[in-house]
Amino acid sequence: MTLSELKLFLRIDNEIEDIFLAELIETSQIYIDSCVGSGYKKDVKAVKLAELVQKKIINDLYENRSANIPDKTKQDTIVTTILDKLSLFSEVSG
């Protein structure tokens, strides 16, 4: 995901937080790969799902910058389900 794509998704039209957003792109990718491996990267549809999850993760991190988690926070079943599906792909050899 590029910074431009993310800013379009989040509807941000300035450069004030570009460094923070770039860090979110990098860390969200690391998070996804650490949860499911990299096998999904060879399947076009799986990559699309991963991009959707990455946008969701980044949006959550961008909107909720606090270290505190509200008591009534529910588990995101869409993210969990997609991560579970992506983890079924075997690792990319290389």
C-alpha atoms as a PDB file:
ATOM      1  CA  MET A   1       0.000   0.000   0.000  1.00  0.00           C
ATOM      2  CA  THR A   2       1.295   3.426  -0.871  1.00  0.00           C
ATOM      3  CA  LEU A   3       1.045   6.551   1.224  1.00  0.00           C
ATOM      4  CA  SER A   4      -1.126   8.138  -1.488  1.00  0.00           C
ATOM      5  CA  GLU A   5      -3.568   5.202  -1.446  1.00  0.00           C
ATOM      6  CA  LEU A   6      -3.813   5.347   2.333  1.00  0.00           C
ATOM      7  CA  LYS A   7      -4.379   9.094   2.413  1.00  0.00           C
ATOM      8  CA  LEU A   8      -7.134   8.726  -0.186  1.00  0.00           C
ATOM      9  CA  PHE A   9      -8.747   5.972   1.902  1.00  0.00           C
ATOM     10  CA  LEU A  10      -8.526   8.013   5.127  1.00  0.00           C
ATOM     11  CA  ARG A  11      -9.525  11.209   3.296  1.00  0.00           C
ATOM     12  CA  ILE A  12      -6.411  13.097   4.365  1.00  0.00           C
ATOM     13  CA  ASP A  13      -5.290  15.871   2.042  1.00  0.00           C
ATOM     14  CA  ASN A  14      -2.275  17.327   3.848  1.00  0.00           C
ATOM     15  CA  GLU A  15       1.263  16.190   4.587  1.00  0.00           C
ATOM     16  CA  ILE A  16       1.257  16.864   8.323  1.00  0.00           C
ATOM     17  CA  GLU A  17       1.098  13.201   9.361  1.00  0.00           C
ATOM     18  CA  ASP A  18       2.888  11.560   6.439  1.00  0.00           C
ATOM     19  CA  ILE A  19       5.668  10.129   8.614  1.00  0.00           C
ATOM     20  CA  PHE A  20       3.155   8.671  11.083  1.00  0.00           C
ATOM     21  CA  LEU A  21       1.057   7.218   8.243  1.00  0.00           C
ATOM     22  CA  ALA A  22       4.139   5.679   6.613  1.00  0.00           C
ATOM     23  CA  GLU A  23       4.972   4.028   9.946  1.00  0.00           C
ATOM     24  CA  LEU A  24       1.427   2.677  10.171  1.00  0.00           C
ATOM     25  CA  ILE A  25       1.737   1.183   6.687  1.00  0.00           C
ATOM     26  CA  GLU A  26       4.981  -0.548   7.614  1.00  0.00           C
ATOM     27  CA  THR A  27       3.895  -1.802  11.039  1.00  0.00           C
ATOM     28  CA  SER A  28       0.493  -2.997   9.839  1.00  0.00           C
ATOM     29  CA  GLN A  29       2.214  -5.035   7.099  1.00  0.00           C
ATOM     30  CA  ILE A  30       4.591  -6.505   9.661  1.00  0.00           C
ATOM     31  CA  TYR A  31       1.624  -7.318  11.897  1.00  0.00           C
ATOM     32  CA  ILE A  32      -0.279  -9.088   9.117  1.00  0.00           C
ATOM     33  CA  ASP A  33       2.774 -11.065   8.002  1.00  0.00           C
ATOM     34  CA  SER A  34       3.620 -12.043  11.581  1.00  0.00           C
ATOM     35  CA  CYS A  35       0.065 -13.308  12.090  1.00  0.00           C
ATOM     36  CA  VAL A  36      -0.318 -15.266   8.863  1.00  0.00           C
ATOM     37  CA  GLY A  37       3.070 -15.624   7.189  1.00  0.00           C
ATOM     38  CA  SER A  38       3.705 -14.547   3.607  1.00  0.00           C
ATOM     39  CA  GLY A  39       2.152 -17.424   1.667  1.00  0.00           C
ATOM     40  CA  TYR A  40      -0.914 -15.351   0.806  1.00  0.00           C
ATOM     41  CA  LYS A  41       1.210 -12.972  -1.295  1.00  0.00           C
ATOM     42  CA  LYS A  42       1.187 -15.360  -4.257  1.00  0.00           C
ATOM     43  CA  ASP A  43      -2.639 -15.298  -4.536  1.00  0.00           C
ATOM     44  CA  VAL A  44      -4.228 -12.164  -6.044  1.00  0.00           C
ATOM     45  CA  LYS A  45      -7.505 -12.517  -4.139  1.00  0.00           C
ATOM     46  CA  ALA A  46      -5.710 -13.118  -0.858  1.00  0.00           C
ATOM     47  CA  VAL A  47      -3.591 -10.003  -1.416  1.00  0.00           C
ATOM     48  CA  LYS A  48      -6.810  -7.998  -1.891  1.00  0.00           C
ATOM     49  CA  LEU A  49      -8.124  -9.356   1.415  1.00  0.00           C
ATOM     50  CA  ALA A  50      -4.842  -8.483   3.100  1.00  0.00           C
ATOM     51  CA  GLU A  51      -5.064  -4.936   1.739  1.00  0.00           C
ATOM     52  CA  LEU A  52      -8.575  -4.611   3.174  1.00  0.00           C
ATOM     53  CA  VAL A  53      -7.387  -5.812   6.579  1.00  0.00           C
ATOM     54  CA  GLN A  54      -4.401  -3.478   6.395  1.00  0.00           C
ATOM     55  CA  LYS A  55      -6.700  -0.498   5.764  1.00  0.00           C
ATOM     56  CA  LYS A  56      -8.891  -1.526   8.695  1.00  0.00           C
ATOM     57  CA  ILE A  57      -5.922  -1.949  11.027  1.00  0.00           C
ATOM     58  CA  ILE A  58      -4.436   1.392   9.983  1.00  0.00           C
ATOM     59  CA  ASN A  59      -7.777   3.160  10.356  1.00  0.00           C
ATOM     60  CA  ASP A  60      -8.177   1.742  13.869  1.00  0.00           C
ATOM     61  CA  LEU A  61      -4.633   2.760  14.841  1.00  0.00           C
ATOM     62  CA  TYR A  62      -5.057   6.215  13.301  1.00  0.00           C
ATOM     63  CA  GLU A  63      -8.404   6.914  14.963  1.00  0.00           C
ATOM     64  CA  ASN A  64      -7.552   5.373  18.352  1.00  0.00           C
ATOM     65  CA  ARG A  65      -4.117   6.612  19.359  1.00  0.00           C
ATOM     66  CA  SER A  66      -4.618   5.959  23.039  1.00  0.00           C
ATOM     67  CA  ALA A  67      -2.972   3.085  24.863  1.00  0.00           C
ATOM     68  CA  ASN A  68      -6.221   2.554  26.771  1.00  0.00           C
ATOM     69  CA  ILE A  69      -8.739   0.041  25.445  1.00  0.00           C
ATOM     70  CA  PRO A  70     -12.376   0.697  26.357  1.00  0.00           C
ATOM     71  CA  ASP A  71     -14.007  -2.034  28.458  1.00  0.00           C
ATOM     72  CA  LYS A  72     -16.759  -2.615  25.909  1.00  0.00           C
ATOM     73  CA  THR A  73     -14.411  -3.142  22.950  1.00  0.00           C
ATOM     74  CA  LYS A  74     -15.515  -6.104  20.866  1.00  0.00           C
ATOM     75  CA  GLN A  75     -13.344  -8.383  18.781  1.00  0.00           C
ATOM     76  CA  ASP A  76     -13.465  -7.498  15.093  1.00  0.00           C
ATOM     77  CA  THR A  77     -14.734 -10.698  13.484  1.00  0.00           C
ATOM     78  CA  ILE A  78     -14.053  -9.514   9.928  1.00  0.00           C
ATOM     79  CA  VAL A  79     -10.365  -8.900  10.624  1.00  0.00           C
ATOM     80  CA  THR A  80     -10.067 -12.138  12.586  1.00  0.00           C
ATOM     81  CA  THR A  81     -11.760 -14.165   9.849  1.00  0.00           C
ATOM     82  CA  ILE A  82      -9.627 -12.681   7.073  1.00  0.00           C
ATOM     83  CA  LEU A  83      -6.414 -13.245   9.048  1.00  0.00           C
ATOM     84  CA  ASP A  84      -7.495 -16.843   9.620  1.00  0.00           C
ATOM     85  CA  LYS A  85      -8.077 -17.342   5.873  1.00  0.00           C
ATOM     86  CA  LEU A  86      -4.766 -15.736   4.929  1.00  0.00           C
ATOM     87  CA  SER A  87      -2.922 -18.000   7.359  1.00  0.00           C
ATOM     88  CA  LEU A  88      -4.062 -21.047   5.370  1.00  0.00           C
ATOM     89  CA  PHE A  89      -1.784 -20.173   2.443  1.00  0.00           C
ATOM     90  CA  SER A  90       1.561 -21.954   2.510  1.00  0.00           C
ATOM     91  CA  GLU A  91       4.729 -19.910   2.839  1.00  0.00           C
ATOM     92  CA  VAL A  92       6.277 -18.379  -0.253  1.00  0.00           C
ATOM     93  CA  SER A  93       9.609 -20.014  -0.919  1.00  0.00           C
ATOM     94  CA  GLY A  94      12.367 -17.728  -1.887  1.00  0.00           C
END
